[in-house]
């Protein structure tokens, strides 16, 4: 089974406390997050994997973190087990542990970030 991970054009993850979210995402995904302020909005750019799918963490009016919205799966091209350890270490929570995707397509887990958003993480290595 082949899973297409390149079909997303852009994603926005709402955050309440920008500095806390930036710290969480930069530590968990081992990346640098360039930041911009646009009016009263704070935007932190997230770029993952070889496809360079891009999105952002955003702190702005009308953006509310939630476990109830769409489930976005991020593929940071990192081993999943150490990433999940960092989730717990930096203020998030693993909601569903790593599970093998049928057909040898890798692994996935579900987390809650530091802001209360539910996210999926996919990886080729457990």
Protein backbone atom coordinates (compact mmCIF):
# COMPACT_ATOMS: atom_id res chain seq x y z
CA UNK A 1 0.00 0.00 0.00
CA UNK A 2 1.33 3.45 -0.91
CA UNK A 3 0.18 6.49 1.05
CA UNK A 4 0.45 9.87 -0.65
CA UNK A 5 2.02 12.37 1.74
CA UNK A 6 2.49 15.24 -0.71
CA UNK A 7 -1.09 16.37 -1.44
CA UNK A 8 -1.30 19.13 1.18
CA UNK A 9 -0.69 22.66 -0.08
CA UNK A 10 -0.69 24.43 3.30
CA UNK A 11 -1.85 23.86 6.88
CA UNK A 12 -2.35 26.12 9.88
CA UNK A 13 -2.23 24.87 13.46
CA UNK A 14 -3.88 27.26 15.93
CA UNK A 15 -2.00 28.07 19.12
CA UNK A 16 -2.84 30.08 22.23
CA UNK A 17 0.62 30.94 23.54
CA UNK A 18 2.95 31.38 20.60
CA UNK A 19 6.25 31.13 22.51
CA UNK A 20 5.17 27.89 24.20
CA UNK A 21 4.02 26.35 20.90
CA UNK A 22 7.17 27.43 19.07
CA UNK A 23 9.29 25.85 21.80
CA UNK A 24 7.26 22.62 21.66
CA UNK A 25 7.37 22.26 17.86
CA UNK A 26 11.04 23.21 17.51
CA UNK A 27 12.08 20.68 20.18
CA UNK A 28 9.79 17.81 19.18
CA UNK A 29 10.46 18.10 15.43
CA UNK A 30 14.09 19.21 15.82
CA UNK A 31 13.67 22.18 13.50
CA UNK A 32 14.07 25.93 13.30
CA UNK A 33 10.82 27.87 13.07
CA UNK A 34 11.13 31.23 11.28
CA UNK A 35 8.66 33.67 12.81
CA UNK A 36 6.73 36.63 11.44
CA UNK A 37 4.33 39.06 13.01
CA UNK A 38 1.58 40.26 10.68
CA UNK A 39 -0.53 42.87 12.42
CA UNK A 40 -1.56 41.08 15.64
CA UNK A 41 -0.95 37.59 14.17
CA UNK A 42 2.13 35.55 15.07
CA UNK A 43 3.10 32.98 12.44
CA UNK A 44 5.77 30.28 12.79
CA UNK A 45 6.69 28.46 9.56
CA UNK A 46 6.90 24.65 9.69
CA UNK A 47 8.62 22.80 6.85
CA UNK A 48 8.83 19.00 6.88
CA UNK A 49 10.47 16.31 4.81
CA UNK A 50 11.88 16.14 1.33
CA UNK A 51 8.65 17.39 -0.24
CA UNK A 52 8.97 20.54 1.90
CA UNK A 53 5.24 20.54 2.64
CA UNK A 54 4.71 23.77 4.50
CA UNK A 55 2.35 25.06 7.11
CA UNK A 56 2.45 27.14 10.22
CA UNK A 57 1.59 27.52 13.84
CA UNK A 58 -0.58 30.61 14.16
CA UNK A 59 -1.61 32.72 17.13
CA UNK A 60 -4.41 35.05 16.08
CA UNK A 61 -7.99 35.98 16.80
CA UNK A 62 -10.34 33.30 15.50
CA UNK A 63 -7.74 30.50 15.79
CA UNK A 64 -8.66 28.15 18.63
CA UNK A 65 -6.72 24.96 19.44
CA UNK A 66 -8.89 21.85 19.65
CA UNK A 67 -8.85 18.07 19.77
CA UNK A 68 -12.16 18.10 17.90
CA UNK A 69 -11.17 19.44 14.47
CA UNK A 70 -9.68 17.72 11.43
CA UNK A 71 -6.84 15.33 12.11
CA UNK A 72 -3.70 16.46 10.29
CA UNK A 73 -0.86 13.96 9.93
CA UNK A 74 2.65 15.41 9.86
CA UNK A 75 5.58 13.46 8.42
CA UNK A 76 8.78 15.07 9.71
CA UNK A 77 10.90 12.19 8.37
CA UNK A 78 12.20 11.41 11.86
CA UNK A 79 12.12 8.14 13.79
CA UNK A 80 8.81 7.94 15.63
CA UNK A 81 9.81 6.52 19.04
CA UNK A 82 12.27 9.30 19.99
CA UNK A 83 9.86 11.92 18.62
CA UNK A 84 7.09 10.60 20.87
CA UNK A 85 9.43 10.76 23.87
CA UNK A 86 10.04 14.43 23.08
CA UNK A 87 6.27 15.07 22.85
CA UNK A 88 5.86 14.05 26.50
CA UNK A 89 9.05 15.84 27.56
CA UNK A 90 8.07 19.21 26.05
CA UNK A 91 4.49 19.58 27.20
CA UNK A 92 2.42 17.40 24.88
CA UNK A 93 0.88 13.99 25.33
CA UNK A 94 0.86 10.79 23.29
CA UNK A 95 -2.83 9.96 22.83
CA UNK A 96 -2.34 6.77 20.77
CA UNK A 97 1.03 4.97 20.64
CA UNK A 98 2.82 3.94 17.47
CA UNK A 99 0.88 1.52 15.26
CA UNK A 100 2.11 -0.21 12.12
CA UNK A 101 0.37 0.87 8.91
CA UNK A 102 -0.75 -2.21 6.94
CA UNK A 103 1.32 -3.21 3.94
CA UNK A 104 4.61 -2.04 5.39
CA UNK A 105 3.83 1.65 4.79
CA UNK A 106 5.38 2.76 8.09
CA UNK A 107 3.94 3.77 11.45
CA UNK A 108 1.71 6.42 12.92
CA UNK A 109 0.78 7.80 16.32
CA UNK A 110 -1.65 10.43 17.60
CA UNK A 111 -0.49 13.23 19.90
CA UNK A 112 -1.83 16.32 21.62
CA UNK A 113 0.50 19.29 21.28
CA UNK A 114 1.30 21.84 23.99
CA UNK A 115 -1.74 23.90 22.94
CA UNK A 116 -4.37 21.14 22.98
CA UNK A 117 -4.46 20.27 19.26
CA UNK A 118 -4.77 16.61 18.24
CA UNK A 119 -2.27 15.70 15.50
CA UNK A 120 -1.15 12.56 13.75
CA UNK A 121 2.53 11.77 13.20
CA UNK A 122 3.58 9.34 10.48
CA UNK A 123 7.03 7.86 9.98
CA UNK A 124 8.78 5.09 8.10
CA UNK A 125 10.77 4.07 11.21
CA UNK A 126 9.29 3.22 14.57
